[in-house]
Amino acid sequence: MAFDLTYWQKNYSDPMSMDGIGYAKDHERHLKSFLALEHVDISSIVDLAFGYGHLIREMLRAFIPHTALGIEPSPYAFKKAKPNKWRPVGSTELTLLQEDLSTWSLSKRKYEPLDLGICTSVF
C-alpha cells in the first residue's frame, strides 16, 4: 500500500512526538542493558522504518555492529535523514533503502540473518 506525499508530510510534521526521536536515548539504554544481562551479542541491526534516523543512530553507537540496514518508506523522511552522522566507526557497513516493508520483504536481495530488529511506532 502506497501513501501519498500529504500522508508523509502530516505524519512527519511534528518529529519530537515520534517515538523513535523523543525517547531514542532511553530506548537505547534500556535495550542495551537488557541484552547485556542476557549476554546477547549484537553484530547486525535492521531498522524497519527508520524515520529521521534518531533511534538507529543511538543503536549504532551503543552496539557498534558490523552491518546495519535501514528501510524507510517515506521519501520525505528519507531525504531528511543524515546517515553520514550515524556511524560511530567507519567499519560499520550501513545500507539504506527507500522502500516499504512489503517491497523489501518480497525482494530477491539476500541478507544474512540480523541480530536486532527495530520497529517502533510502525504497525
PDB file of N, CA and C in Angstrom:
ATOM      1  N   MET A   1       0.844  -1.183   0.000  1.00  0.00           N
ATOM      2  CA  MET A   1       0.000   0.000   0.000  1.00  0.00           C
ATOM      3  C   MET A   1       0.885   1.241   0.000  1.00  0.00           C
ATOM      4  N   ALA A   2       0.655   2.119  -0.917  1.00  0.00           N
ATOM      5  CA  ALA A   2       1.444   3.344  -1.023  1.00  0.00           C
ATOM      6  C   ALA A   2       0.653   4.519  -0.447  1.00  0.00           C
ATOM      7  N   PHE A   3       1.387   5.426   0.174  1.00  0.00           N
ATOM      8  CA  PHE A   3       0.777   6.627   0.725  1.00  0.00           C
ATOM      9  C   PHE A   3       1.226   7.822  -0.097  1.00  0.00           C
ATOM     10  N   ASP A   4       0.359   8.822  -0.228  1.00  0.00           N
ATOM     11  CA  ASP A   4       0.744   9.998  -0.998  1.00  0.00           C
ATOM     12  C   ASP A   4       1.581  10.949  -0.135  1.00  0.00           C
ATOM     13  N   LEU A   5       2.130  11.974  -0.759  1.00  0.00           N
ATOM     14  CA  LEU A   5       3.028  12.917  -0.090  1.00  0.00           C
ATOM     15  C   LEU A   5       2.353  13.609   1.097  1.00  0.00           C
ATOM     16  N   THR A   6       1.061  13.884   1.006  1.00  0.00           N
ATOM     17  CA  THR A   6       0.330  14.536   2.100  1.00  0.00           C
ATOM     18  C   THR A   6       0.387  13.704   3.377  1.00  0.00           C
ATOM     19  N   TYR A   7       0.236  12.396   3.237  1.00  0.00           N
ATOM     20  CA  TYR A   7       0.320  11.499   4.399  1.00  0.00           C
ATOM     21  C   TYR A   7       1.662  11.654   5.103  1.00  0.00           C
ATOM     22  N   TRP A   8       2.752  11.612   4.334  1.00  0.00           N
ATOM     23  CA  TRP A   8       4.088  11.676   4.932  1.00  0.00           C
ATOM     24  C   TRP A   8       4.344  13.036   5.568  1.00  0.00           C
ATOM     25  N   GLN A   9       3.929  14.106   4.909  1.00  0.00           N
ATOM     26  CA  GLN A   9       4.136  15.441   5.464  1.00  0.00           C
ATOM     27  C   GLN A   9       3.368  15.604   6.780  1.00  0.00           C
ATOM     28  N   LYS A  10       2.153  15.102   6.831  1.00  0.00           N
ATOM     29  CA  LYS A  10       1.351  15.203   8.045  1.00  0.00           C
ATOM     30  C   LYS A  10       1.972  14.394   9.182  1.00  0.00           C
ATOM     31  N   ASN A  11       2.383  13.165   8.897  1.00  0.00           N
ATOM     32  CA  ASN A  11       2.900  12.290   9.941  1.00  0.00           C
ATOM     33  C   ASN A  11       4.320  12.617  10.377  1.00  0.00           C
ATOM     34  N   TYR A  12       5.057  13.385   9.604  1.00  0.00           N
ATOM     35  CA  TYR A  12       6.416  13.766   9.983  1.00  0.00           C
ATOM     36  C   TYR A  12       6.520  15.248  10.300  1.00  0.00           C
ATOM     37  N   SER A  13       5.387  15.934  10.443  1.00  0.00           N
ATOM     38  CA  SER A  13       5.416  17.377  10.686  1.00  0.00           C
ATOM     39  C   SER A  13       5.804  17.733  12.122  1.00  0.00           C
ATOM     40  N   ASP A  14       5.615  16.824  13.066  1.00  0.00           N
ATOM     41  CA  ASP A  14       5.993  17.066  14.463  1.00  0.00           C
ATOM     42  C   ASP A  14       6.958  15.964  14.902  1.00  0.00           C
ATOM     43  N   PRO A  15       8.233  16.068  14.501  1.00  0.00           N
ATOM     44  CA  PRO A  15       9.161  14.959  14.729  1.00  0.00           C
ATOM     45  C   PRO A  15       9.377  14.591  16.195  1.00  0.00           C
ATOM     46  N   MET A  16       9.320  15.516  17.109  1.00  0.00           N
ATOM     47  CA  MET A  16       9.592  15.181  18.509  1.00  0.00           C
ATOM     48  C   MET A  16       8.505  14.294  19.111  1.00  0.00           C
ATOM     49  N   SER A  17       7.333  14.257  18.496  1.00  0.00           N
ATOM     50  CA  SER A  17       6.281  13.387  19.009  1.00  0.00           C
ATOM     51  C   SER A  17       6.450  11.951  18.509  1.00  0.00           C
ATOM     52  N   MET A  18       7.340  11.750  17.562  1.00  0.00           N
ATOM     53  CA  MET A  18       7.580  10.405  17.045  1.00  0.00           C
ATOM     54  C   MET A  18       8.389   9.623  18.075  1.00  0.00           C
ATOM     55  N   ASP A  19       7.961   8.405  18.359  1.00  0.00           N
ATOM     56  CA  ASP A  19       8.556   7.587  19.406  1.00  0.00           C
ATOM     57  C   ASP A  19      10.061   7.430  19.278  1.00  0.00           C
ATOM     58  N   GLY A  20      10.567   7.194  18.085  1.00  0.00           N
ATOM     59  CA  GLY A  20      11.991   6.973  17.898  1.00  0.00           C
ATOM     60  C   GLY A  20      12.833   8.219  18.034  1.00  0.00           C
ATOM     61  N   ILE A  21      12.230   9.377  18.164  1.00  0.00           N
ATOM     62  CA  ILE A  21      13.001  10.614  18.280  1.00  0.00           C
ATOM     63  C   ILE A  21      13.048  11.088  19.724  1.00  0.00           C
ATOM     64  N   GLY A  22      11.886  11.309  20.308  1.00  0.00           N
ATOM     65  CA  GLY A  22      11.834  11.869  21.654  1.00  0.00           C
ATOM     66  C   GLY A  22      12.443  10.979  22.720  1.00  0.00           C
ATOM     67  N   TYR A  23      12.417   9.652  22.489  1.00  0.00           N
ATOM     68  CA  TYR A  23      12.894   8.727  23.502  1.00  0.00           C
ATOM     69  C   TYR A  23      13.993   7.801  22.989  1.00  0.00           C
ATOM     70  N   ALA A  24      14.695   8.199  21.945  1.00  0.00           N
ATOM     71  CA  ALA A  24      15.699   7.328  21.318  1.00  0.00           C
ATOM     72  C   ALA A  24      16.780   6.908  22.308  1.00  0.00           C
ATOM     73  N   LYS A  25      17.308   7.828  23.064  1.00  0.00           N
ATOM     74  CA  LYS A  25      18.386   7.502  24.010  1.00  0.00           C
ATOM     75  C   LYS A  25      17.873   6.572  25.119  1.00  0.00           C
ATOM     76  N   ASP A  26      16.652   6.802  25.598  1.00  0.00           N
ATOM     77  CA  ASP A  26      16.074   5.932  26.624  1.00  0.00           C
ATOM     78  C   ASP A  26      15.877   4.512  26.096  1.00  0.00           C
ATOM     79  N   HIS A  27      15.369   4.392  24.870  1.00  0.00           N
ATOM     80  CA  HIS A  27      15.185   3.073  24.264  1.00  0.00           C
ATOM     81  C   HIS A  27      16.532   2.359  24.133  1.00  0.00           C
ATOM     82  N   GLU A  28      17.532   3.088  23.696  1.00  0.00           N
ATOM     83  CA  GLU A  28      18.876   2.508  23.523  1.00  0.00           C
ATOM     84  C   GLU A  28      19.417   1.995  24.850  1.00  0.00           C
ATOM     85  N   ARG A  29      19.349   2.806  25.892  1.00  0.00           N
ATOM     86  CA  ARG A  29      19.882   2.389  27.203  1.00  0.00           C
ATOM     87  C   ARG A  29      19.143   1.166  27.744  1.00  0.00           C
ATOM     88  N   HIS A  30      17.835   1.168  27.625  1.00  0.00           N
ATOM     89  CA  HIS A  30      17.031   0.050  28.115  1.00  0.00           C
ATOM     90  C   HIS A  30      17.382  -1.236  27.367  1.00  0.00           C
ATOM     91  N   LEU A  31      17.393  -1.168  26.060  1.00  0.00           N
ATOM     92  CA  LEU A  31      17.665  -2.356  25.257  1.00  0.00           C
ATOM     93  C   LEU A  31      19.094  -2.860  25.456  1.00  0.00           C
ATOM     94  N   LYS A  32      20.047  -1.949  25.508  1.00  0.00           N
ATOM     95  CA  LYS A  32      21.440  -2.362  25.714  1.00  0.00           C
ATOM     96  C   LYS A  32      21.600  -3.049  27.069  1.00  0.00           C
ATOM     97  N   SER A  33      20.989  -2.518  28.111  1.00  0.00           N
ATOM     98  CA  SER A  33      21.067  -3.126  29.444  1.00  0.00           C
ATOM     99  C   SER A  33      20.437  -4.509  29.457  1.00  0.00           C
ATOM    100  N   PHE A  34      19.253  -4.631  28.868  1.00  0.00           N
ATOM    101  CA  PHE A  34      18.565  -5.909  28.835  1.00  0.00           C
ATOM    102  C   PHE A  34      19.381  -6.960  28.091  1.00  0.00           C
ATOM    103  N   LEU A  35      19.887  -6.615  26.924  1.00  0.00           N
ATOM    104  CA  LEU A  35      20.641  -7.575  26.126  1.00  0.00           C
ATOM    105  C   LEU A  35      21.972  -7.934  26.785  1.00  0.00           C
ATOM    106  N   ALA A  36      22.575  -7.002  27.504  1.00  0.00           N
ATOM    107  CA  ALA A  36      23.804  -7.303  28.238  1.00  0.00           C
ATOM    108  C   ALA A  36      23.526  -8.312  29.353  1.00  0.00           C
ATOM    109  N   LEU A  37      22.406  -8.147  30.051  1.00  0.00           N
ATOM    110  CA  LEU A  37      22.032  -9.104  31.097  1.00  0.00           C
ATOM    111  C   LEU A  37      21.823 -10.508  30.538  1.00  0.00           C
ATOM    112  N   GLU A  38      21.328 -10.578  29.336  1.00  0.00           N
ATOM    113  CA  GLU A  38      21.058 -11.859  28.687  1.00  0.00           C
ATOM    114  C   GLU A  38      22.268 -12.388  27.902  1.00  0.00           C
ATOM    115  N   HIS A  39      23.370 -11.630  27.896  1.00  0.00           N
ATOM    116  CA  HIS A  39      24.601 -11.995  27.180  1.00  0.00           C
ATOM    117  C   HIS A  39      24.354 -12.193  25.681  1.00  0.00           C
ATOM    118  N   VAL A  40      23.617 -11.252  25.097  1.00  0.00           N
ATOM    119  CA  VAL A  40      23.320 -11.290  23.669  1.00  0.00           C
ATOM    120  C   VAL A  40      24.266 -10.333  22.953  1.00  0.00           C
ATOM    121  N   ASP A  41      24.997 -10.870  21.978  1.00  0.00           N
ATOM    122  CA  ASP A  41      25.909 -10.061  21.177  1.00  0.00           C
ATOM    123  C   ASP A  41      25.169  -9.564  19.942  1.00  0.00           C
ATOM    124  N   ILE A  42      25.230  -8.287  19.698  1.00  0.00           N
ATOM    125  CA  ILE A  42      24.575  -7.692  18.536  1.00  0.00           C
ATOM    126  C   ILE A  42      25.647  -7.257  17.541  1.00  0.00           C
ATOM    127  N   SER A  43      25.690  -7.928  16.391  1.00  0.00           N
ATOM    128  CA  SER A  43      26.660  -7.530  15.372  1.00  0.00           C
ATOM    129  C   SER A  43      25.982  -7.081  14.075  1.00  0.00           C
ATOM    130  N   SER A  44      24.646  -7.150  14.044  1.00  0.00           N
ATOM    131  CA  SER A  44      23.914  -6.642  12.885  1.00  0.00           C
ATOM    132  C   SER A  44      22.546  -6.121  13.337  1.00  0.00           C
ATOM    133  N   ILE A  45      22.119  -5.041  12.692  1.00  0.00           N
ATOM    134  CA  ILE A  45      20.887  -4.348  13.077  1.00  0.00           C
ATOM    135  C   ILE A  45      20.087  -4.005  11.829  1.00  0.00           C
ATOM    136  N   VAL A  46      18.767  -4.106  11.937  1.00  0.00           N
ATOM    137  CA  VAL A  46      17.875  -3.583  10.905  1.00  0.00           C
ATOM    138  C   VAL A  46      16.864  -2.665  11.590  1.00  0.00           C
ATOM    139  N   ASP A  47      16.644  -1.516  10.998  1.00  0.00           N
ATOM    140  CA  ASP A  47      15.599  -0.608  11.478  1.00  0.00           C
ATOM    141  C   ASP A  47      14.552  -0.523  10.381  1.00  0.00           C
ATOM    142  N   LEU A  48      13.372  -1.040  10.684  1.00  0.00           N
ATOM    143  CA  LEU A  48      12.269  -1.064   9.730  1.00  0.00           C
ATOM    144  C   LEU A  48      11.459   0.213   9.892  1.00  0.00           C
ATOM    145  N   ALA A  49      11.646   1.140   8.988  1.00  0.00           N
ATOM    146  CA  ALA A  49      11.042   2.470   9.011  1.00  0.00           C
ATOM    147  C   ALA A  49      11.796   3.364   9.987  1.00  0.00           C
ATOM    148  N   PHE A  50      12.997   3.743   9.590  1.00  0.00           N
ATOM    149  CA  PHE A  50      13.894   4.499  10.479  1.00  0.00           C
ATOM    150  C   PHE A  50      13.553   5.972  10.633  1.00  0.00           C
ATOM    151  N   GLY A  51      12.589   6.490   9.897  1.00  0.00           N
ATOM    152  CA  GLY A  51      12.201   7.894  10.060  1.00  0.00           C
ATOM    153  C   GLY A  51      13.368   8.811   9.766  1.00  0.00           C
ATOM    154  N   TYR A  52      13.669   9.709  10.693  1.00  0.00           N
ATOM    155  CA  TYR A  52      14.799  10.623  10.520  1.00  0.00           C
ATOM    156  C   TYR A  52      16.108  10.004  10.993  1.00  0.00           C
ATOM    157  N   GLY A  53      16.042   8.816  11.585  1.00  0.00           N
ATOM    158  CA  GLY A  53      17.256   8.091  11.941  1.00  0.00           C
ATOM    159  C   GLY A  53      17.745   8.246  13.365  1.00  0.00           C
ATOM    160  N   HIS A  54      16.980   8.867  14.232  1.00  0.00           N
ATOM    161  CA  HIS A  54      17.428   9.093  15.601  1.00  0.00           C
ATOM    162  C   HIS A  54      17.642   7.784  16.371  1.00  0.00           C
ATOM    163  N   LEU A  55      16.706   6.864  16.254  1.00  0.00           N
ATOM    164  CA  LEU A  55      16.811   5.613  17.002  1.00  0.00           C
ATOM    165  C   LEU A  55      17.913   4.711  16.447  1.00  0.00           C
ATOM    166  N   ILE A  56      18.009   4.581  15.140  1.00  0.00           N
ATOM    167  CA  ILE A  56      19.064   3.748  14.577  1.00  0.00           C
ATOM    168  C   ILE A  56      20.445   4.322  14.906  1.00  0.00           C
ATOM    169  N   ARG A  57      20.563   5.644  14.913  1.00  0.00           N
ATOM    170  CA  ARG A  57      21.839   6.276  15.290  1.00  0.00           C
ATOM    171  C   ARG A  57      22.248   5.871  16.701  1.00  0.00           C
ATOM    172  N   GLU A  58      21.304   5.915  17.637  1.00  0.00           N
ATOM    173  CA  GLU A  58      21.618   5.545  19.019  1.00  0.00           C
ATOM    174  C   GLU A  58      21.984   4.069  19.125  1.00  0.00           C
ATOM    175  N   MET A  59      21.283   3.216  18.388  1.00  0.00           N
ATOM    176  CA  MET A  59      21.586   1.780  18.418  1.00  0.00           C
ATOM    177  C   MET A  59      22.951   1.486  17.801  1.00  0.00           C
ATOM    178  N   LEU A  60      23.291   2.185  16.741  1.00  0.00           N
ATOM    179  CA  LEU A  60      24.609   2.000  16.123  1.00  0.00           C
ATOM    180  C   LEU A  60      25.717   2.414  17.086  1.00  0.00           C
ATOM    181  N   ARG A  61      25.515   3.491  17.791  1.00  0.00           N
ATOM    182  CA  ARG A  61      26.509   3.949  18.771  1.00  0.00           C
ATOM    183  C   ARG A  61      26.626   2.987  19.949  1.00  0.00           C
ATOM    184  N   ALA A  62      25.512   2.410  20.357  1.00  0.00           N
ATOM    185  CA  ALA A  62      25.512   1.517  21.521  1.00  0.00           C
ATOM    186  C   ALA A  62      26.134   0.162  21.210  1.00  0.00           C
ATOM    187  N   PHE A  63      25.783  -0.409  20.063  1.00  0.00           N
ATOM    188  CA  PHE A  63      26.185  -1.785  19.770  1.00  0.00           C
ATOM    189  C   PHE A  63      27.370  -1.906  18.811  1.00  0.00           C
ATOM    190  N   ILE A  64      27.654  -0.843  18.072  1.00  0.00           N
ATOM    191  CA  ILE A  64      28.726  -0.828  17.068  1.00  0.00           C
ATOM    192  C   ILE A  64      28.710  -2.121  16.246  1.00  0.00           C
ATOM    193  N   PRO A  65      27.647  -2.335  15.487  1.00  0.00           N
ATOM    194  CA  PRO A  65      27.520  -3.568  14.703  1.00  0.00           C
ATOM    195  C   PRO A  65      28.426  -3.557  13.467  1.00  0.00           C
ATOM    196  N   HIS A  66      28.663  -4.748  12.940  1.00  0.00           N
ATOM    197  CA  HIS A  66      29.424  -4.861  11.694  1.00  0.00           C
ATOM    198  C   HIS A  66      28.577  -4.402  10.508  1.00  0.00           C
ATOM    199  N   THR A  67      27.285  -4.752  10.542  1.00  0.00           N
ATOM    200  CA  THR A  67      26.384  -4.373   9.456  1.00  0.00           C
ATOM    201  C   THR A  67      25.095  -3.778  10.011  1.00  0.00           C
ATOM    202  N   ALA A  68      24.538  -2.873   9.240  1.00  0.00           N
ATOM    203  CA  ALA A  68      23.264  -2.258   9.616  1.00  0.00           C
ATOM    204  C   ALA A  68      22.479  -1.970   8.342  1.00  0.00           C
ATOM    205  N   LEU A  69      21.183  -2.158   8.457  1.00  0.00           N
ATOM    206  CA  LEU A  69      20.275  -1.932   7.338  1.00  0.00           C
ATOM    207  C   LEU A  69      19.141  -1.047   7.828  1.00  0.00           C
ATOM    208  N   GLY A  70      18.831  -0.030   7.068  1.00  0.00           N
ATOM    209  CA  GLY A  70      17.714   0.839   7.390  1.00  0.00           C
ATOM    210  C   GLY A  70      16.751   0.903   6.225  1.00  0.00           C
ATOM    211  N   ILE A  71      15.467   0.771   6.521  1.00  0.00           N
ATOM    212  CA  ILE A  71      14.424   0.822   5.500  1.00  0.00           C
ATOM    213  C   ILE A  71      13.466   1.944   5.892  1.00  0.00           C
ATOM    214  N   GLU A  72      13.163   2.817   4.948  1.00  0.00           N
ATOM    215  CA  GLU A  72      12.235   3.915   5.208  1.00  0.00           C
ATOM    216  C   GLU A  72      11.347   4.117   3.990  1.00  0.00           C
ATOM    217  N   PRO A  73      10.025   3.953   4.149  1.00  0.00           N
ATOM    218  CA  PRO A  73       9.130   4.121   3.008  1.00  0.00           C
ATOM    219  C   PRO A  73       8.855   5.579   2.628  1.00  0.00           C
ATOM    220  N   SER A  74       9.033   6.483   3.554  1.00  0.00           N
ATOM    221  CA  SER A  74       8.698   7.884   3.295  1.00  0.00           C
ATOM    222  C   SER A  74       9.811   8.603   2.532  1.00  0.00           C
ATOM    223  N   PRO A  75       9.520   9.086   1.330  1.00  0.00           N
ATOM    224  CA  PRO A  75      10.538   9.867   0.620  1.00  0.00           C
ATOM    225  C   PRO A  75      10.883  11.138   1.391  1.00  0.00           C
ATOM    226  N   TYR A  76       9.899  11.682   2.084  1.00  0.00           N
ATOM    227  CA  TYR A  76      10.083  12.898   2.882  1.00  0.00           C
ATOM    228  C   TYR A  76      11.110  12.669   3.987  1.00  0.00           C
ATOM    229  N   ALA A  77      10.941  11.610   4.773  1.00  0.00           N
ATOM    230  CA  ALA A  77      11.874  11.318   5.866  1.00  0.00           C
ATOM    231  C   ALA A  77      13.219  10.845   5.334  1.00  0.00           C
ATOM    232  N   PHE A  78      13.201  10.044   4.292  1.00  0.00           N
ATOM    233  CA  PHE A  78      14.446   9.512   3.732  1.00  0.00           C
ATOM    234  C   PHE A  78      15.374  10.656   3.318  1.00  0.00           C
ATOM    235  N   LYS A  79      14.818  11.698   2.711  1.00  0.00           N
ATOM    236  CA  LYS A  79      15.620  12.855   2.282  1.00  0.00           C
ATOM    237  C   LYS A  79      16.143  13.646   3.469  1.00  0.00           C
ATOM    238  N   LYS A  80      15.407  13.673   4.571  1.00  0.00           N
ATOM    239  CA  LYS A  80      15.828  14.438   5.757  1.00  0.00           C
ATOM    240  C   LYS A  80      16.842  13.703   6.630  1.00  0.00           C
ATOM    241  N   ALA A  81      16.938  12.389   6.478  1.00  0.00           N
ATOM    242  CA  ALA A  81      17.873  11.600   7.292  1.00  0.00           C
ATOM    243  C   ALA A  81      19.309  12.020   6.975  1.00  0.00           C
ATOM    244  N   LYS A  82      20.162  11.947   7.970  1.00  0.00           N
ATOM    245  CA  LYS A  82      21.567  12.317   7.816  1.00  0.00           C
ATOM    246  C   LYS A  82      22.460  11.138   8.196  1.00  0.00           C
ATOM    247  N   PRO A  83      22.494  10.096   7.354  1.00  0.00           N
ATOM    248  CA  PRO A  83      23.226   8.871   7.699  1.00  0.00           C
ATOM    249  C   PRO A  83      24.726   9.067   7.878  1.00  0.00           C
ATOM    250  N   ASN A  84      25.284  10.103   7.290  1.00  0.00           N
ATOM    251  CA  ASN A  84      26.717  10.339   7.470  1.00  0.00           C
ATOM    252  C   ASN A  84      27.067  10.660   8.925  1.00  0.00           C
ATOM    253  N   LYS A  85      26.079  10.972   9.744  1.00  0.00           N
ATOM    254  CA  LYS A  85      26.306  11.261  11.169  1.00  0.00           C
ATOM    255  C   LYS A  85      25.949  10.085  12.068  1.00  0.00           C
ATOM    256  N   TRP A  86      25.530   8.968  11.504  1.00  0.00           N
ATOM    257  CA  TRP A  86      25.047   7.841  12.301  1.00  0.00           C
ATOM    258  C   TRP A  86      26.150   6.898  12.731  1.00  0.00           C
ATOM    259  N   ARG A  87      27.092   6.615  11.871  1.00  0.00           N
ATOM    260  CA  ARG A  87      28.097   5.583  12.129  1.00  0.00           C
ATOM    261  C   ARG A  87      29.127   6.030  13.156  1.00  0.00           C
ATOM    262  N   PRO A  88      29.259   5.284  14.257  1.00  0.00           N
ATOM    263  CA  PRO A  88      30.282   5.641  15.235  1.00  0.00           C
ATOM    264  C   PRO A  88      31.676   5.210  14.774  1.00  0.00           C
ATOM    265  N   VAL A  89      31.737   4.201  13.906  1.00  0.00           N
ATOM    266  CA  VAL A  89      33.011   3.743  13.345  1.00  0.00           C
ATOM    267  C   VAL A  89      32.829   3.544  11.843  1.00  0.00           C
ATOM    268  N   GLY A  90      33.878   3.777  11.098  1.00  0.00           N
ATOM    269  CA  GLY A  90      33.799   3.662   9.652  1.00  0.00           C
ATOM    270  C   GLY A  90      33.624   2.245   9.151  1.00  0.00           C
ATOM    271  N   SER A  91      33.914   1.267   9.993  1.00  0.00           N
ATOM    272  CA  SER A  91      33.845  -0.127   9.555  1.00  0.00           C
ATOM    273  C   SER A  91      32.418  -0.688   9.520  1.00  0.00           C
ATOM    274  N   THR A  92      31.465   0.017  10.093  1.00  0.00           N
ATOM    275  CA  THR A  92      30.073  -0.457  10.032  1.00  0.00           C
ATOM    276  C   THR A  92      29.561  -0.310   8.602  1.00  0.00           C
ATOM    277  N   GLU A  93      29.127  -1.419   8.034  1.00  0.00           N
ATOM    278  CA  GLU A  93      28.558  -1.406   6.688  1.00  0.00           C
ATOM    279  C   GLU A  93      27.089  -1.017   6.812  1.00  0.00           C
ATOM    280  N   LEU A  94      26.763   0.174   6.373  1.00  0.00           N
ATOM    281  CA  LEU A  94      25.414   0.720   6.511  1.00  0.00           C
ATOM    282  C   LEU A  94      24.740   0.798   5.146  1.00  0.00           C
ATOM    283  N   THR A  95      23.587   0.148   5.018  1.00  0.00           N
ATOM    284  CA  THR A  95      22.798   0.171   3.786  1.00  0.00           C
ATOM    285  C   THR A  95      21.446   0.781   4.100  1.00  0.00           C
ATOM    286  N   LEU A  96      21.039   1.758   3.307  1.00  0.00           N
ATOM    287  CA  LEU A  96      19.733   2.393   3.472  1.00  0.00           C
ATOM    288  C   LEU A  96      18.918   2.216   2.210  1.00  0.00           C
ATOM    289  N   LEU A  97      17.670   1.848   2.390  1.00  0.00           N
ATOM    290  CA  LEU A  97      16.762   1.637   1.264  1.00  0.00           C
ATOM    291  C   LEU A  97      15.510   2.486   1.452  1.00  0.00           C
ATOM    292  N   GLN A  98      15.107   3.172   0.397  1.00  0.00           N
ATOM    293  CA  GLN A  98      13.881   3.954   0.450  1.00  0.00           C
ATOM    294  C   GLN A  98      12.793   3.119  -0.212  1.00  0.00           C
ATOM    295  N   GLU A  99      12.171   2.254   0.608  1.00  0.00           N
ATOM    296  CA  GLU A  99      11.091   1.401   0.135  1.00  0.00           C
ATOM    297  C   GLU A  99      10.246   0.950   1.317  1.00  0.00           C
ATOM    298  N   ASP A 100       9.068   0.429   1.014  1.00  0.00           N
ATOM    299  CA  ASP A 100       8.176  -0.016   2.090  1.00  0.00           C
ATOM    300  C   ASP A 100       8.528  -1.439   2.511  1.00  0.00           C
ATOM    301  N   LEU A 101       7.949  -1.868   3.625  1.00  0.00           N
ATOM    302  CA  LEU A 101       8.270  -3.189   4.176  1.00  0.00           C
ATOM    303  C   LEU A 101       7.861  -4.329   3.255  1.00  0.00           C
ATOM    304  N   SER A 102       6.730  -4.179   2.577  1.00  0.00           N
ATOM    305  CA  SER A 102       6.288  -5.229   1.660  1.00  0.00           C
ATOM    306  C   SER A 102       7.279  -5.413   0.516  1.00  0.00           C
ATOM    307  N   THR A 103       7.689  -4.320  -0.078  1.00  0.00           N
ATOM    308  CA  THR A 103       8.650  -4.390  -1.176  1.00  0.00           C
ATOM    309  C   THR A 103       9.946  -5.019  -0.707  1.00  0.00           C
ATOM    310  N   TRP A 104      10.423  -4.579   0.442  1.00  0.00           N
ATOM    311  CA  TRP A 104      11.679  -5.125   0.980  1.00  0.00           C
ATOM    312  C   TRP A 104      11.556  -6.616   1.271  1.00  0.00           C
ATOM    313  N   SER A 105      10.485  -7.011   1.929  1.00  0.00           N
ATOM    314  CA  SER A 105      10.353  -8.413   2.322  1.00  0.00           C
ATOM    315  C   SER A 105      10.151  -9.339   1.123  1.00  0.00           C
ATOM    316  N   LEU A 106       9.605  -8.821   0.047  1.00  0.00           N
ATOM    317  CA  LEU A 106       9.370  -9.639  -1.139  1.00  0.00           C
ATOM    318  C   LEU A 106      10.513  -9.567  -2.155  1.00  0.00           C
ATOM    319  N   SER A 107      11.513  -8.731  -1.861  1.00  0.00           N
ATOM    320  CA  SER A 107      12.619  -8.574  -2.814  1.00  0.00           C
ATOM    321  C   SER A 107      13.466  -9.842  -2.865  1.00  0.00           C
ATOM    322  N   LYS A 108      14.227  -9.948  -3.888  1.00  0.00           N
ATOM    323  CA  LYS A 108      15.097 -11.120  -4.086  1.00  0.00           C
ATOM    324  C   LYS A 108      16.485 -10.900  -3.477  1.00  0.00           C
ATOM    325  N   ARG A 109      16.698  -9.751  -2.851  1.00  0.00           N
ATOM    326  CA  ARG A 109      18.005  -9.494  -2.227  1.00  0.00           C
ATOM    327  C   ARG A 109      18.235 -10.486  -1.104  1.00  0.00           C
ATOM    328  N   LYS A 110      19.453 -10.880  -0.939  1.00  0.00           N
ATOM    329  CA  LYS A 110      19.823 -11.840   0.113  1.00  0.00           C
ATOM    330  C   LYS A 110      20.532 -11.100   1.238  1.00  0.00           C
ATOM    331  N   TYR A 111      20.106 -11.375   2.454  1.00  0.00           N
ATOM    332  CA  TYR A 111      20.729 -10.802   3.644  1.00  0.00           C
ATOM    333  C   TYR A 111      21.074 -11.931   4.598  1.00  0.00           C
ATOM    334  N   GLU A 112      22.152 -11.745   5.290  1.00  0.00           N
ATOM    335  CA  GLU A 112      22.475 -12.665   6.384  1.00  0.00           C
ATOM    336  C   GLU A 112      21.433 -12.439   7.473  1.00  0.00           C
ATOM    337  N   PRO A 113      21.208 -13.412   8.351  1.00  0.00           N
ATOM    338  CA  PRO A 113      20.291 -13.173   9.484  1.00  0.00           C
ATOM    339  C   PRO A 113      20.764 -11.955  10.290  1.00  0.00           C
ATOM    340  N   LEU A 114      19.814 -11.189  10.776  1.00  0.00           N
ATOM    341  CA  LEU A 114      20.114  -9.979  11.528  1.00  0.00           C
ATOM    342  C   LEU A 114      19.857 -10.221  13.006  1.00  0.00           C
ATOM    343  N   ASP A 115      20.726  -9.684  13.854  1.00  0.00           N
ATOM    344  CA  ASP A 115      20.638  -9.920  15.294  1.00  0.00           C
ATOM    345  C   ASP A 115      19.564  -9.094  15.986  1.00  0.00           C
ATOM    346  N   LEU A 116      19.347  -7.882  15.519  1.00  0.00           N
ATOM    347  CA  LEU A 116      18.419  -6.974  16.195  1.00  0.00           C
ATOM    348  C   LEU A 116      17.571  -6.246  15.165  1.00  0.00           C
ATOM    349  N   GLY A 117      16.267  -6.307  15.351  1.00  0.00           N
ATOM    350  CA  GLY A 117      15.339  -5.574  14.510  1.00  0.00           C
ATOM    351  C   GLY A 117      14.654  -4.491  15.320  1.00  0.00           C
ATOM    352  N   ILE A 118      14.643  -3.299  14.796  1.00  0.00           N
ATOM    353  CA  ILE A 118      13.999  -2.159  15.453  1.00  0.00           C
ATOM    354  C   ILE A 118      12.781  -1.785  14.615  1.00  0.00           C
ATOM    355  N   CYS A 119      11.655  -1.664  15.271  1.00  0.00           N
ATOM    356  CA  CYS A 119      10.430  -1.333  14.561  1.00  0.00           C
ATOM    357  C   CYS A 119       9.494  -0.648  15.553  1.00  0.00           C
ATOM    358  N   THR A 120       9.670   0.632  15.771  1.00  0.00           N
ATOM    359  CA  THR A 120       8.849   1.336  16.737  1.00  0.00           C
ATOM    360  C   THR A 120       7.837   2.240  16.032  1.00  0.00           C
ATOM    361  N   SER A 121       6.638   2.243  16.538  1.00  0.00           N
ATOM    362  CA  SER A 121       5.557   3.087  16.035  1.00  0.00           C
ATOM    363  C   SER A 121       5.293   2.875  14.552  1.00  0.00           C
ATOM    364  N   VAL A 122       5.405   1.631  14.098  1.00  0.00           N
ATOM    365  CA  VAL A 122       5.214   1.350  12.678  1.00  0.00           C
ATOM    366  C   VAL A 122       3.906   0.625  12.438  1.00  0.00           C
ATOM    367  N   PHE A 123       3.649  -0.434  13.176  1.00  0.00           N
ATOM    368  CA  PHE A 123       2.480  -1.262  12.896  1.00  0.00           C
ATOM    369  C   PHE A 123       1.260  -0.777  13.641  1.00  0.00           C
TER     370      PHE A 123
END
